Protein backbone atom coordinates (compact mmCIF):
# COMPACT_ATOMS: atom_id res chain seq x y z
CA UNK A 1 11.76 13.39 10.43
CA UNK A 2 14.04 12.33 8.16
CA UNK A 3 16.12 11.43 11.05
CA UNK A 4 16.79 7.73 12.02
CA UNK A 5 15.58 5.90 14.84
CA UNK A 6 18.39 4.66 16.41
CA UNK A 7 19.91 8.84 16.91
CA UNK A 8 16.85 8.87 19.37
CA UNK A 9 16.07 5.58 20.50
CA UNK A 10 19.51 5.06 22.37
CA UNK A 11 19.60 8.06 24.03
CA UNK A 12 20.02 6.81 28.42
CA UNK A 13 21.17 3.68 26.74
CA UNK A 14 21.85 1.14 29.06
CA UNK A 15 23.10 -1.99 29.99
CA UNK A 16 20.30 -3.21 30.71
CA UNK A 17 18.89 -2.76 27.46
CA UNK A 18 21.31 -3.77 25.52
CA UNK A 19 22.04 -7.20 26.81
CA UNK A 20 18.18 -6.95 26.31
CA UNK A 21 18.63 -5.96 22.68
CA UNK A 22 21.93 -8.55 22.57
CA UNK A 23 19.65 -11.47 23.25
CA UNK A 24 16.82 -10.68 21.04
CA UNK A 25 19.40 -9.91 18.06
CA UNK A 26 20.97 -13.64 18.05
CA UNK A 27 18.19 -14.88 18.64
CA UNK A 28 16.39 -13.81 15.43
CA UNK A 29 19.96 -13.81 13.67
CA UNK A 30 19.37 -17.67 14.19
CA UNK A 31 15.93 -17.03 12.99
CA UNK A 32 17.14 -15.66 9.88
CA UNK A 33 19.58 -17.56 9.08
CA UNK A 34 17.10 -20.89 7.33
CA UNK A 35 14.98 -18.37 6.11
CA UNK A 36 17.25 -16.28 4.03
CA UNK A 37 18.62 -19.43 2.61
CA UNK A 38 15.46 -20.37 1.26
CA UNK A 39 14.00 -17.30 0.31
CA UNK A 40 17.57 -17.22 -2.06
CA UNK A 41 16.91 -20.68 -3.30
CA UNK A 42 13.40 -19.81 -3.96
CA UNK A 43 13.95 -17.15 -6.05
CA UNK A 44 16.68 -18.39 -8.13
CA UNK A 45 19.65 -17.37 -6.98
CA UNK A 46 22.84 -18.94 -5.41
CA UNK A 47 21.97 -19.98 -1.17
CA UNK A 48 24.70 -17.50 0.24
CA UNK A 49 23.01 -14.22 -1.36
CA UNK A 50 20.59 -14.37 1.02
CA UNK A 51 22.36 -14.49 3.50
CA UNK A 52 24.68 -11.33 1.92
CA UNK A 53 21.14 -10.14 1.80
CA UNK A 54 20.20 -10.16 5.06
CA UNK A 55 23.82 -9.25 6.73
CA UNK A 56 23.77 -6.02 4.34
CA UNK A 57 19.86 -5.01 4.65
CA UNK A 58 19.37 -6.10 7.97
CA UNK A 59 22.87 -3.47 9.14
CA UNK A 60 21.42 -0.70 6.81
CA UNK A 61 18.31 -0.71 7.49
CA UNK A 62 18.85 -1.01 11.11
CA UNK A 63 22.02 1.97 11.18
CA UNK A 64 19.20 3.90 8.47
CA UNK A 65 16.02 3.18 9.71
CA UNK A 66 12.57 4.47 10.78
CA UNK A 67 11.49 1.96 13.12
CA UNK A 68 13.28 0.75 16.44
CA UNK A 69 12.80 -2.57 15.62
CA UNK A 70 12.64 -3.51 12.19
CA UNK A 71 14.58 -6.84 10.72
CA UNK A 72 15.02 -6.10 7.00
CA UNK A 73 16.50 -9.30 4.50
CA UNK A 74 15.16 -11.64 2.23
CA UNK A 75 11.12 -12.07 2.28
CA UNK A 76 8.50 -14.26 1.08
CA UNK A 77 7.51 -11.49 -0.97
CA UNK A 78 9.78 -10.97 -3.15
CA UNK A 79 10.25 -14.00 -4.72
CA UNK A 80 8.44 -14.33 -7.47
CA UNK A 81 9.34 -10.77 -8.66
CA UNK A 82 13.08 -11.76 -7.87
CA UNK A 83 12.05 -15.75 -9.64
CA UNK A 84 10.55 -13.99 -12.42
CA UNK A 85 13.70 -11.28 -13.29
CA UNK A 86 16.68 -13.57 -13.13
CA UNK A 87 14.82 -16.48 -15.13
CA UNK A 88 14.09 -13.41 -17.96
CA UNK A 89 17.40 -11.34 -17.13
CA UNK A 90 19.76 -13.23 -15.48
CA UNK A 91 21.54 -12.35 -12.34
CA UNK A 92 23.12 -9.23 -14.07
CA UNK A 93 19.03 -7.87 -14.57
CA UNK A 94 18.78 -8.51 -11.07
CA UNK A 95 21.26 -6.53 -9.54
CA UNK A 96 20.76 -3.39 -11.57
CA UNK A 97 16.77 -3.89 -10.67
CA UNK A 98 17.12 -3.90 -7.32
CA UNK A 99 19.84 -1.18 -7.12
CA UNK A 100 17.06 1.38 -9.66
CA UNK A 101 14.48 -0.05 -7.39
CA UNK A 102 16.84 1.54 -3.93
CA UNK A 103 17.06 4.43 -6.06
CA UNK A 104 12.88 4.66 -6.19
CA UNK A 105 12.70 3.47 -2.38
CA UNK A 106 15.14 6.67 -1.75
CA UNK A 107 13.21 9.28 -4.09
CA UNK A 108 9.91 8.40 -2.53
CA UNK A 109 11.54 8.65 0.98
CA UNK A 110 12.61 12.06 0.41
CA UNK A 111 9.93 13.33 -1.59
CA UNK A 112 7.96 12.50 1.80
CA UNK A 113 5.62 9.82 0.25
CA UNK A 114 6.00 7.00 2.46
CA UNK A 115 2.60 7.78 3.80
CA UNK A 116 0.99 7.44 0.83
CA UNK A 117 1.62 4.16 0.86
CA UNK A 118 -1.04 3.40 3.18
CA UNK A 119 -3.71 4.71 0.66
CA UNK A 120 -2.73 1.02 -0.95
CA UNK A 121 -6.48 -0.95 -0.27
CA UNK A 122 -6.53 -3.92 2.00
CA UNK A 123 -8.09 -6.32 -0.63
CA UNK A 124 -5.32 -5.26 -3.04
CA UNK A 125 -2.49 -6.26 -0.58
CA UNK A 126 -4.35 -8.95 0.69
CA UNK A 127 -4.58 -10.54 -2.94
CA UNK A 128 -1.43 -10.22 -4.30
CA UNK A 129 -0.20 -11.64 -0.64
CA UNK A 130 -2.09 -14.73 -0.77
CA UNK A 131 -1.14 -14.92 -4.76
CA UNK A 132 2.54 -14.53 -4.05
CA UNK A 133 1.52 -17.37 -1.02
CA UNK A 134 0.14 -19.70 -3.55
CA UNK A 135 2.96 -19.25 -5.93
CA UNK A 136 5.57 -19.68 -3.53
CA UNK A 137 4.10 -23.32 -2.96
CA UNK A 138 4.08 -24.17 -6.14
CA UNK A 139 7.32 -23.77 -6.74
CA UNK A 140 8.38 -25.65 -3.82
CA UNK A 141 6.58 -29.14 -4.46
CA UNK A 142 9.08 -30.64 -6.96
CA UNK A 143 11.88 -30.28 -4.14
CA UNK A 144 9.35 -31.36 -1.49
CA UNK A 145 8.71 -34.68 -3.27
CA UNK A 146 11.44 -35.16 -5.06
CA UNK A 147 9.61 -35.38 -8.38
CA UNK A 148 12.20 -36.36 -11.14
CA UNK A 149 11.75 -33.08 -13.57
CA UNK A 150 14.09 -31.14 -15.14
CA UNK A 151 14.06 -27.21 -13.95
CA UNK A 152 10.33 -25.58 -12.38
CA UNK A 153 9.09 -23.91 -15.37
CA UNK A 154 7.82 -19.72 -14.45
CA UNK A 155 4.06 -19.36 -14.34
CA UNK A 156 1.60 -21.31 -11.75
CA UNK A 157 0.22 -22.61 -14.65
CA UNK A 158 3.04 -24.67 -16.30
CA UNK A 159 4.59 -25.48 -13.22
CA UNK A 160 1.46 -28.15 -12.62
CA UNK A 161 1.28 -28.83 -15.95
CA UNK A 162 5.16 -30.54 -15.45
CA UNK A 163 4.03 -31.76 -11.74
CA UNK A 164 1.34 -33.15 -13.67
CA UNK A 165 3.33 -35.34 -16.33
CA UNK A 166 5.88 -36.29 -13.74
CA UNK A 167 3.99 -38.73 -11.27
CA UNK A 168 7.87 -39.78 -10.40
CA UNK A 169 8.37 -39.31 -6.60
CA UNK A 170 11.56 -40.04 -4.97
CA UNK A 171 10.41 -41.77 -1.80
CA UNK A 172 13.36 -41.02 0.26
CA UNK A 173 13.26 -37.26 -0.37
CA UNK A 174 9.28 -36.95 -0.12
CA UNK A 175 9.93 -38.39 3.33
CA UNK A 176 12.69 -36.21 4.50
CA UNK A 177 10.12 -33.38 3.47
CA UNK A 178 7.15 -34.63 5.13
CA UNK A 179 9.06 -35.17 8.32
CA UNK A 180 10.27 -31.45 7.82
CA UNK A 181 7.51 -30.05 7.54
CA UNK A 182 5.67 -31.60 10.64
CA UNK A 183 8.67 -31.11 12.65
CA UNK A 184 8.65 -27.38 11.99
CA UNK A 185 4.50 -27.67 12.90
CA UNK A 186 4.59 -29.49 15.89
CA UNK A 187 7.95 -27.54 17.24
CA UNK A 188 5.75 -24.31 16.65
CA UNK A 189 2.48 -25.65 18.12
CA UNK A 190 4.97 -26.30 21.17
CA UNK A 191 6.71 -23.03 21.83
CA UNK A 192 7.27 -20.24 19.76
CA UNK A 193 10.45 -19.69 21.41
CA UNK A 194 11.81 -22.49 20.10
CA UNK A 195 13.23 -21.86 16.00
CA UNK A 196 11.85 -24.66 14.36
CA UNK A 197 12.80 -23.72 11.30
CA UNK A 198 16.55 -24.26 12.40
CA UNK A 199 15.73 -27.28 14.14
CA UNK A 200 14.55 -28.82 11.10
CA UNK A 201 17.46 -27.83 8.95
CA UNK A 202 20.01 -29.02 11.41
CA UNK A 203 18.61 -32.14 11.99
CA UNK A 204 17.92 -32.58 8.08
CA UNK A 205 21.26 -32.18 6.97
CA UNK A 206 22.74 -34.56 9.93
CA UNK A 207 20.25 -36.93 8.52
CA UNK A 208 21.62 -36.44 4.59
CA UNK A 209 24.85 -36.56 5.73
CA UNK A 210 24.49 -39.05 8.45
CA UNK A 211 22.90 -41.33 6.92
CA UNK A 212 24.04 -40.69 3.24
CA UNK A 213 20.87 -40.02 1.94
CA UNK A 214 20.98 -39.83 -2.30
CA UNK A 215 18.61 -36.44 -1.77
CA UNK A 216 19.39 -32.94 -3.42
CA UNK A 217 21.51 -30.41 -1.94
CA UNK A 218 22.24 -26.91 -1.96
CA UNK A 219 25.74 -27.80 -2.96
CA UNK A 220 24.57 -30.52 -5.68
CA UNK A 221 22.00 -27.68 -7.45
CA UNK A 222 23.98 -24.39 -6.84
CA UNK A 223 27.98 -25.91 -6.72
CA UNK A 224 30.28 -24.84 -4.29
CA UNK A 225 29.62 -22.30 -2.26
CA UNK A 226 32.10 -19.27 -1.00
CA UNK A 227 31.90 -18.24 2.29
CA UNK A 228 33.48 -15.58 2.72
CA UNK A 229 31.98 -11.77 1.77
CA UNK A 230 33.01 -10.66 -1.44
CA UNK A 231 33.69 -7.51 -2.96
CA UNK A 232 31.92 -5.27 -4.25
CA UNK A 233 31.60 -4.64 -8.12
CA UNK A 234 29.54 -2.45 -10.14
CA UNK A 235 29.37 -3.54 -13.72
CA UNK A 236 28.24 -0.77 -16.32
CA UNK A 237 25.24 0.16 -17.25
CA UNK A 238 23.51 -0.77 -20.23
CA UNK A 239 20.81 1.29 -21.42
CA UNK A 240 18.52 -1.27 -23.34
CA UNK A 241 18.21 -3.54 -20.14
CA UNK A 242 17.08 -0.41 -17.57
CA UNK A 243 14.62 0.59 -20.20
CA UNK A 244 13.63 -3.09 -19.91
CA UNK A 245 14.21 -3.70 -15.85
CA UNK A 246 11.77 -0.47 -15.40
CA UNK A 247 8.71 -2.48 -14.54
CA UNK A 248 10.28 -5.16 -12.46
CA UNK A 249 12.28 -2.55 -10.37
CA UNK A 250 9.04 -0.90 -9.88
CA UNK A 251 7.32 -4.08 -8.65
CA UNK A 252 10.13 -4.40 -6.01
CA UNK A 253 10.40 -0.81 -5.27
CA UNK A 254 6.66 -1.58 -4.28
CA UNK A 255 7.10 -4.48 -2.29
CA UNK A 256 9.81 -3.31 -0.27
CA UNK A 257 7.70 -0.16 0.33
CA UNK A 258 4.63 -2.25 1.32
CA UNK A 259 5.92 -5.30 3.22
CA UNK A 260 8.38 -2.81 5.30
CA UNK A 261 5.68 -0.38 6.21
CA UNK A 262 3.32 -2.81 7.02
CA UNK A 263 6.16 -4.74 9.38
CA UNK A 264 6.81 -0.81 11.08
CA UNK A 265 2.94 -0.48 11.57
CA UNK A 266 2.50 -3.70 13.18
CA UNK A 267 5.62 -3.74 15.20
CA UNK A 268 3.94 0.04 16.39
CA UNK A 269 1.26 -1.91 17.99
CA UNK A 270 3.98 -4.22 19.77
CA UNK A 271 6.00 -1.45 21.14
CA UNK A 272 3.47 1.10 21.76
CA UNK A 273 6.60 3.19 19.57
CA UNK A 274 6.13 5.03 16.18
CA UNK A 275 7.89 4.73 12.99
CA UNK A 276 9.00 7.47 10.40
CA UNK A 277 7.74 6.13 7.55
CA UNK A 278 9.82 8.72 5.18
CA UNK A 279 12.93 7.69 6.83
CA UNK A 280 12.21 3.97 6.63
CA UNK A 281 12.24 3.99 2.95
CA UNK A 282 15.21 5.77 3.01
CA UNK A 283 17.10 2.60 5.02
CA UNK A 284 15.81 0.52 2.76
CA UNK A 285 16.41 2.14 -0.66
CA UNK A 286 20.07 2.37 0.43
CA UNK A 287 19.78 -0.78 1.58
CA UNK A 288 18.94 -1.90 -1.83
CA UNK A 289 21.51 0.22 -3.60
CA UNK A 290 24.36 -1.76 -1.85
CA UNK A 291 23.25 -5.40 -1.83
CA UNK A 292 23.36 -5.55 -5.37
CA UNK A 293 26.71 -4.18 -5.02
CA UNK A 294 27.94 -7.46 -2.77
CA UNK A 295 25.79 -9.54 -5.29
CA UNK A 296 23.06 -9.54 -2.70
CA UNK A 297 19.32 -9.72 -3.55
CA UNK A 298 16.08 -7.26 -2.72
CA UNK A 299 15.67 -6.99 0.56
CA UNK A 300 12.64 -5.59 3.05
CA UNK A 301 11.14 -5.35 5.96
CA UNK A 302 9.94 -9.06 7.33
CA UNK A 303 7.13 -8.78 9.13
CA UNK A 304 7.91 -12.21 11.07
CA UNK A 305 11.27 -12.15 11.92
CA UNK A 306 10.59 -8.41 13.07
CA UNK A 307 7.84 -9.52 15.26
CA UNK A 308 10.34 -12.07 16.65
CA UNK A 309 12.71 -9.37 17.24
CA UNK A 310 9.85 -8.00 19.90
CA UNK A 311 8.94 -10.75 20.96
CA UNK A 312 12.31 -11.53 21.83
CA UNK A 313 12.69 -8.39 24.04
CA UNK A 314 14.23 -5.91 21.38
CA UNK A 315 13.66 -2.52 22.05
CA UNK A 316 16.28 -0.17 19.98
CA UNK A 317 17.82 -0.85 16.19
CA UNK A 318 20.99 -2.59 18.12
CA UNK A 319 19.11 -5.40 17.88
CA UNK A 320 19.02 -5.56 14.38
CA UNK A 321 22.87 -4.32 14.33
CA UNK A 322 23.19 -7.57 15.96
CA UNK A 323 21.03 -9.69 14.57
CA UNK A 324 23.62 -8.81 11.14
CA UNK A 325 26.44 -9.46 12.83
CA UNK A 326 25.14 -13.03 14.47
CA UNK A 327 24.60 -13.95 10.88
CA UNK A 328 27.69 -12.58 9.52
CA UNK A 329 29.77 -14.85 12.61
CA UNK A 330 27.60 -18.44 11.21
CA UNK A 331 28.73 -17.46 7.48
CA UNK A 332 32.38 -17.11 8.59
CA UNK A 333 32.49 -20.53 10.78
CA UNK A 334 29.54 -22.66 9.51
CA UNK A 335 29.31 -20.96 6.06
CA UNK A 336 31.06 -23.79 3.92
CA UNK A 337 28.40 -26.41 5.18
CA UNK A 338 25.61 -24.82 4.08
CA UNK A 339 26.13 -26.76 0.62
CA UNK A 340 25.02 -29.63 2.48
CA UNK A 341 21.06 -28.41 2.93
CA UNK A 342 18.96 -30.24 1.39
CA UNK A 343 16.49 -29.15 -0.46
CA UNK A 344 13.48 -31.02 0.94
CA UNK A 345 13.62 -29.50 4.25
CA UNK A 346 14.52 -26.07 2.41
CA UNK A 347 10.90 -26.83 0.66
CA UNK A 348 9.39 -27.38 3.70
CA UNK A 349 10.78 -24.57 5.53
CA UNK A 350 8.74 -22.29 2.01
CA UNK A 351 5.91 -24.34 2.03
CA UNK A 352 5.14 -23.26 6.11
CA UNK A 353 6.20 -19.86 5.06
CA UNK A 354 3.72 -19.91 2.14
CA UNK A 355 1.00 -20.59 4.41
CA UNK A 356 1.89 -17.97 7.61
CA UNK A 357 1.45 -15.73 4.39
CA UNK A 358 -2.29 -16.79 2.58
CA UNK A 359 -3.57 -15.38 5.70
CA UNK A 360 -6.36 -17.75 4.91
CA UNK A 361 -8.44 -17.09 7.88
CA UNK A 362 -8.44 -13.18 7.46
CA UNK A 363 -8.89 -13.93 2.95
CA UNK A 364 -12.11 -15.63 4.34
CA UNK A 365 -13.25 -13.51 6.35
CA UNK A 366 -12.56 -10.85 3.62
CA UNK A 367 -15.24 -12.55 1.38
CA UNK A 368 -18.25 -11.19 3.31
CA UNK A 369 -16.60 -7.71 2.89
CA UNK A 370 -18.92 -5.42 0.45
CA UNK A 371 -19.23 -7.08 -3.36
CA UNK A 372 -16.73 -4.33 -4.68
CA UNK A 373 -14.23 -5.33 -2.16
CA UNK A 374 -14.00 -8.97 -2.82
CA UNK A 375 -14.59 -8.63 -6.91
CA UNK A 376 -11.21 -6.50 -6.19
CA UNK A 377 -9.30 -8.83 -4.38
CA UNK A 378 -10.31 -11.70 -6.65
CA UNK A 379 -8.98 -10.48 -9.58
CA UNK A 380 -5.81 -9.31 -7.75
CA UNK A 381 -5.31 -12.92 -6.49
CA UNK A 382 -6.05 -14.30 -9.57
CA UNK A 383 -3.84 -12.02 -11.68
CA UNK A 384 -0.96 -12.68 -9.56
CA UNK A 385 -1.26 -16.19 -9.64
CA UNK A 386 -2.28 -16.66 -13.03
CA UNK A 387 -0.24 -13.60 -14.25
CA UNK A 388 1.73 -11.70 -13.59
CA UNK A 389 2.67 -9.87 -10.24
CA UNK A 390 2.97 -6.23 -12.03
CA UNK A 391 -0.21 -6.75 -14.08
CA UNK A 392 -2.13 -7.51 -10.73
CA UNK A 393 -0.75 -4.54 -8.61
CA UNK A 394 -1.67 -2.50 -11.13
CA UNK A 395 -4.54 -3.88 -12.22
CA UNK A 396 -5.96 -3.91 -8.94
CA UNK A 397 -4.77 -0.67 -7.83
CA UNK A 398 -7.17 0.77 -10.69
CA UNK A 399 -9.91 -1.24 -10.53
CA UNK A 400 -9.79 -0.36 -6.08
CA UNK A 401 -10.00 3.28 -7.85
CA UNK A 402 -12.90 2.86 -10.33
CA UNK A 403 -14.42 1.31 -7.81
CA UNK A 404 -13.96 3.92 -4.69
CA UNK A 405 -15.05 6.54 -7.70
CA UNK A 406 -17.99 4.86 -8.51
CA UNK A 407 -18.65 5.01 -4.20
CA UNK A 408 -18.55 8.20 -3.79
CA UNK A 409 -20.14 9.33 -6.97
CA UNK A 410 -23.72 7.53 -5.95
CA UNK A 411 -22.56 9.43 -2.29
CA UNK A 412 -22.84 12.50 -4.02
CA UNK A 413 -26.82 13.73 -4.80
CA UNK A 414 -28.42 16.66 -5.89
CA UNK A 415 -32.08 17.14 -5.04
CA UNK A 416 -34.47 19.97 -6.69
CA UNK A 417 -35.44 21.09 -2.52
CA UNK A 418 -38.09 24.22 -3.72
CA UNK A 419 -40.24 20.96 -5.14
CA UNK A 420 -40.54 19.21 -1.50
CA UNK A 421 -41.20 21.82 0.69
CA UNK A 422 -43.96 19.82 1.96
CA UNK A 423 -41.98 17.00 2.20
CA UNK A 424 -39.24 18.93 4.48
CA UNK A 425 -41.81 20.75 6.96
CA UNK A 426 -40.89 17.56 9.22
CA UNK A 427 -37.65 17.74 9.02
CA UNK A 428 -37.05 21.91 9.07
CA UNK A 429 -38.09 21.94 12.98
CA UNK A 430 -34.12 20.28 13.19
CA UNK A 431 -32.72 22.03 10.14
CA UNK A 432 -32.84 26.14 11.39
CA UNK A 433 -31.53 26.47 7.35
CA UNK A 434 -33.84 24.69 5.75
CA UNK A 435 -35.25 25.58 3.13
CA UNK A 436 -38.78 24.88 4.13
CA UNK A 437 -38.49 27.99 6.51
CA UNK A 438 -37.50 30.50 3.60
CA UNK A 439 -40.52 32.07 1.48
CA UNK A 440 -39.45 30.77 -2.20
CA UNK A 441 -40.75 33.82 -5.10
CA UNK A 442 -42.96 31.44 -7.81
CA UNK A 443 -39.79 31.89 -10.85
CA UNK A 444 -37.11 30.97 -8.48
CA UNK A 445 -35.74 27.15 -8.61
CA UNK A 446 -33.08 25.57 -5.62
CA UNK A 447 -31.42 22.57 -6.26
CA UNK A 448 -28.81 21.25 -3.83
CA UNK A 449 -25.99 19.38 -4.51
CA UNK A 450 -24.63 17.13 -1.14
CA UNK A 451 -21.39 15.59 -1.22
CA UNK A 452 -18.01 15.92 -3.13
CA UNK A 453 -18.61 17.60 -6.00
CA UNK A 454 -16.21 15.76 -8.76
CA UNK A 455 -16.36 14.12 -12.02
CA UNK A 456 -17.98 11.25 -10.80
CA UNK A 457 -21.08 13.11 -9.78
CA UNK A 458 -21.07 15.61 -13.14
CA UNK A 459 -23.42 13.25 -14.45
CA UNK A 460 -26.27 13.29 -11.58
CA UNK A 461 -25.91 17.00 -11.43
CA UNK A 462 -26.09 17.32 -15.29
CA UNK A 463 -29.31 14.93 -15.09
CA UNK A 464 -31.09 16.57 -12.63
CA UNK A 465 -30.47 19.92 -13.95
CA UNK A 466 -32.06 18.39 -17.36
CA UNK A 467 -35.49 17.36 -15.76
CA UNK A 468 -35.81 20.97 -14.78
CA UNK A 469 -39.38 21.21 -17.72
CA UNK A 470 -39.55 25.38 -17.96
CA UNK A 471 -35.90 26.84 -17.09
CA UNK A 472 -36.46 29.60 -14.65
CA UNK A 473 -35.64 33.04 -14.03
CA UNK A 474 -33.28 32.41 -10.99
CA UNK A 475 -31.54 28.82 -10.51
CA UNK A 476 -29.71 29.24 -7.08
CA UNK A 477 -27.35 26.01 -6.44
CA UNK A 478 -27.05 25.60 -2.56
CA UNK A 479 -23.12 24.09 -1.98
CA UNK A 480 -23.58 23.20 1.91
CA UNK A 481 -22.49 20.56 1.70
CA UNK A 482 -20.10 20.16 -0.83
CA UNK A 483 -16.81 20.30 1.20
CA UNK A 484 -14.45 20.07 -2.19
CA UNK A 485 -14.93 20.28 -5.90
CA UNK A 486 -12.68 19.42 -8.91
CA UNK A 487 -12.57 20.94 -12.52
CA UNK A 488 -14.72 18.30 -13.87
CA UNK A 489 -17.01 20.21 -11.21
CA UNK A 490 -16.12 23.58 -12.08
CA UNK A 491 -17.15 22.87 -15.98
CA UNK A 492 -19.88 21.72 -14.88
CA UNK A 493 -20.73 24.71 -13.26
CA UNK A 494 -19.31 27.13 -16.34
CA UNK A 495 -21.65 25.03 -18.75
CA UNK A 496 -25.08 25.55 -16.43
CA UNK A 497 -24.09 29.31 -16.66
CA UNK A 498 -23.93 30.02 -20.06
CA UNK A 499 -27.50 27.50 -20.63
CA UNK A 500 -29.22 29.79 -18.59
CA UNK A 501 -27.75 33.24 -19.51
CA UNK A 502 -28.75 31.60 -23.72
CA UNK A 503 -32.51 30.76 -21.73
CA UNK A 504 -32.65 34.71 -20.20
CA UNK A 505 -31.53 33.04 -16.40
CA UNK A 506 -29.59 34.30 -13.76
CA UNK A 507 -27.60 31.15 -11.46
CA UNK A 508 -26.65 31.78 -8.42
CA UNK A 509 -23.71 29.80 -5.86
CA UNK A 510 -25.01 29.88 -2.26
CA UNK A 511 -22.90 28.21 0.89
CA UNK A 512 -20.22 27.61 -0.95
CA UNK A 513 -17.09 26.20 1.57
CA UNK A 514 -13.77 27.62 1.50
CA UNK A 515 -12.23 24.98 -0.86
CA UNK A 516 -14.66 25.28 -3.36
CA UNK A 517 -14.40 29.06 -3.42
CA UNK A 518 -10.34 28.61 -3.60
CA UNK A 519 -11.02 26.64 -6.73
CA UNK A 520 -13.18 28.86 -8.30
CA UNK A 521 -11.36 31.99 -7.49
CA UNK A 522 -8.43 30.49 -9.59
CA UNK A 523 -10.40 29.26 -12.10
CA UNK A 524 -12.35 31.30 -14.79
CA UNK A 525 -15.37 29.43 -13.81
CA UNK A 526 -15.80 32.38 -11.42
CA UNK A 527 -15.14 34.94 -14.15
CA UNK A 528 -18.11 33.29 -15.96
CA UNK A 529 -20.59 33.20 -13.30
CA UNK A 530 -19.90 36.51 -11.63
CA UNK A 531 -18.45 36.92 -8.04
CA UNK A 532 -21.69 38.84 -7.36
CA UNK A 533 -23.70 35.75 -7.88
CA UNK A 534 -21.65 34.04 -5.03
CA UNK A 535 -23.47 33.91 -1.47
CA UNK A 536 -22.42 32.24 1.73
CA UNK A 537 -25.48 31.11 2.87
CA UNK A 538 -28.72 31.23 1.15
CA UNK A 539 -30.88 34.00 2.68
CA UNK A 540 -28.90 35.69 0.93
CA UNK A 541 -29.23 34.52 -2.41
CA UNK A 542 -32.85 34.47 -2.10
CA UNK A 543 -32.70 38.65 -1.53
CA UNK A 544 -30.33 38.89 -4.41
CA UNK A 545 -33.06 36.64 -6.48
CA UNK A 546 -36.15 38.93 -5.41
CA UNK A 547 -34.12 41.84 -6.39
CA UNK A 548 -33.87 40.50 -9.36
CA UNK A 549 -37.17 39.78 -10.51
CA UNK A 550 -38.31 43.36 -8.70
CA UNK A 551 -40.10 41.99 -5.50
CA UNK A 552 -39.48 43.44 -2.40
CA UNK A 553 -37.59 42.10 0.29
CA UNK A 554 -38.59 39.42 2.58
CA UNK A 555 -37.06 39.67 6.01
CA UNK A 556 -34.65 36.45 7.36
CA UNK A 557 -36.17 33.61 9.25
CA UNK A 558 -36.35 34.56 12.81
CA UNK A 559 -34.64 31.10 13.77
CA UNK A 560 -32.00 31.00 11.00
CA UNK A 561 -28.29 30.39 12.00
CA UNK A 562 -25.57 33.38 11.17
CA UNK A 563 -24.38 33.94 7.93
CA UNK A 564 -21.75 30.63 6.90
CA UNK A 565 -18.32 31.18 8.65
CA UNK A 566 -15.65 31.18 5.80
CA UNK A 567 -12.35 32.17 4.96
CA UNK A 568 -12.20 34.44 1.98
CA UNK A 569 -8.92 34.91 -0.31
CA UNK A 570 -6.33 36.90 1.66
CA UNK A 571 -8.25 37.81 4.35
CA UNK A 572 -8.70 35.73 7.92
CA UNK A 573 -11.49 33.45 9.04
CA UNK A 574 -14.70 35.96 9.67
CA UNK A 575 -18.35 35.86 9.14
CA UNK A 576 -19.05 36.93 6.00
CA UNK A 577 -21.56 39.94 6.61
CA UNK A 578 -24.73 40.27 4.15
CA UNK A 579 -24.41 40.19 0.38
CA UNK A 580 -22.54 38.94 -2.22
CA UNK A 581 -18.95 36.28 -1.37
CA UNK A 582 -16.81 38.75 -1.97
CA UNK A 583 -13.32 36.87 -3.37
CA UNK A 584 -10.83 39.23 -2.04
CA UNK A 585 -7.59 39.38 -3.28
CA UNK A 586 -8.43 38.07 -6.07
CA UNK A 587 -7.76 40.85 -8.72
């Protein structure tokens, strides 16, 4: 449904519900303050842009989103790609990439592709999420320890090469960073309700101001920050720049979609609700289109802030609106003090965020999964850390898809069942339609395909049929366990029919299910096979084989089940009578 949750969740809304949303929204607004500033600073943009993004995205996603309690804003998952985009294309390039990503997200939502995101394998998401956590930690080592070096270069290897060649550590900065980190960890363990990030931010800022510590702050790095809300502006589109930004835009869109929908799924489990994935993508897209107009950065659903929102009592999108208005009020009143925040404290906040993002326990547990999944996870993680996030996602998805196809190909098998009648004697007692219960003429071979007949299984099909020493007069291909067939499978069947015709043999298909029958009827394969040679069950195919060989008809086994029930083309579901499985309505 492309209907915002706000419109349906506030039905029968009352004062107690509003008070819960008001309290939750104010609480999560305070929690979002240091995170928005930290993510912006880590991304290489002015910290006030993080606050602007949190206000705009938080408001739009709450108004238009498909989740009842989603909180949107800058997230750790986007830090790496935002930093790389800013470093390569500058702030204008980031604004254009964000806007393009917003358009992509809107298109995905309107195309009803929100549910397709769930097909991204878990090893891929775990791999690049853990890789992003490593990169966030790596990028904060300089500010956490106060290393006396120039700007942190992009790239994990370049960063650590610079760190190792800069042994000079600023002691006051390192002490403040360590104290901030310890304070956050202790307060988090004491109570989840205490906003450890906020307490560390306030105490760190006060310590620097009151003790006049020579520690780098937001103001000393980014200059004076304006407390007001900027006027929206849009620069002229540069086609060359847009083409260069396509990979970054798609990466931002994918990360926004995955992060937002994963957050929505998690909170569905916490609230017992059900989100609307397509509406959520549209809302995230609109937020990312509007955010850069005000100088903001990319935004997505934030799992930690959304979970905080739920635990604080939120039940409707009103809490998200209150969260955005709370941040706006803080910007208006305390915005000018943002420049006094020490970077060491922000680095400590981001180190904790990176630790939580890594989910190392889940990562370690995943190492006991099948080797193919472990391979995908490790490759995605290493490529994220050592190469590029876009490359990691692309390679991870391709590797996961190839391994899945290989696994499916192993599931599909082809066997010559007529040569195994004695082996099947015991099993036939449980299967009334087993070949062992039939009388198979001497010059008839029955091959059974088990599993999806797709391009990954074609070679196994050809290899098995290629082992036939002498071409039989009649070859029956039984497909009772084939739920689906693709064009490669149809092409393989066509090749078998052509070779059999050359050898003077007849090819019959039996037990053909609905999808394979539809695929046959819509392709040239059925013309090659002949619809008089396609049957709904093995007994009818054997009757056709005996007729072709000039043999007398044998009675159907008494134990046989009724003919395969299937949906013929142009007719409703019914039991097909004895005889060929005609493709009614095709001609």
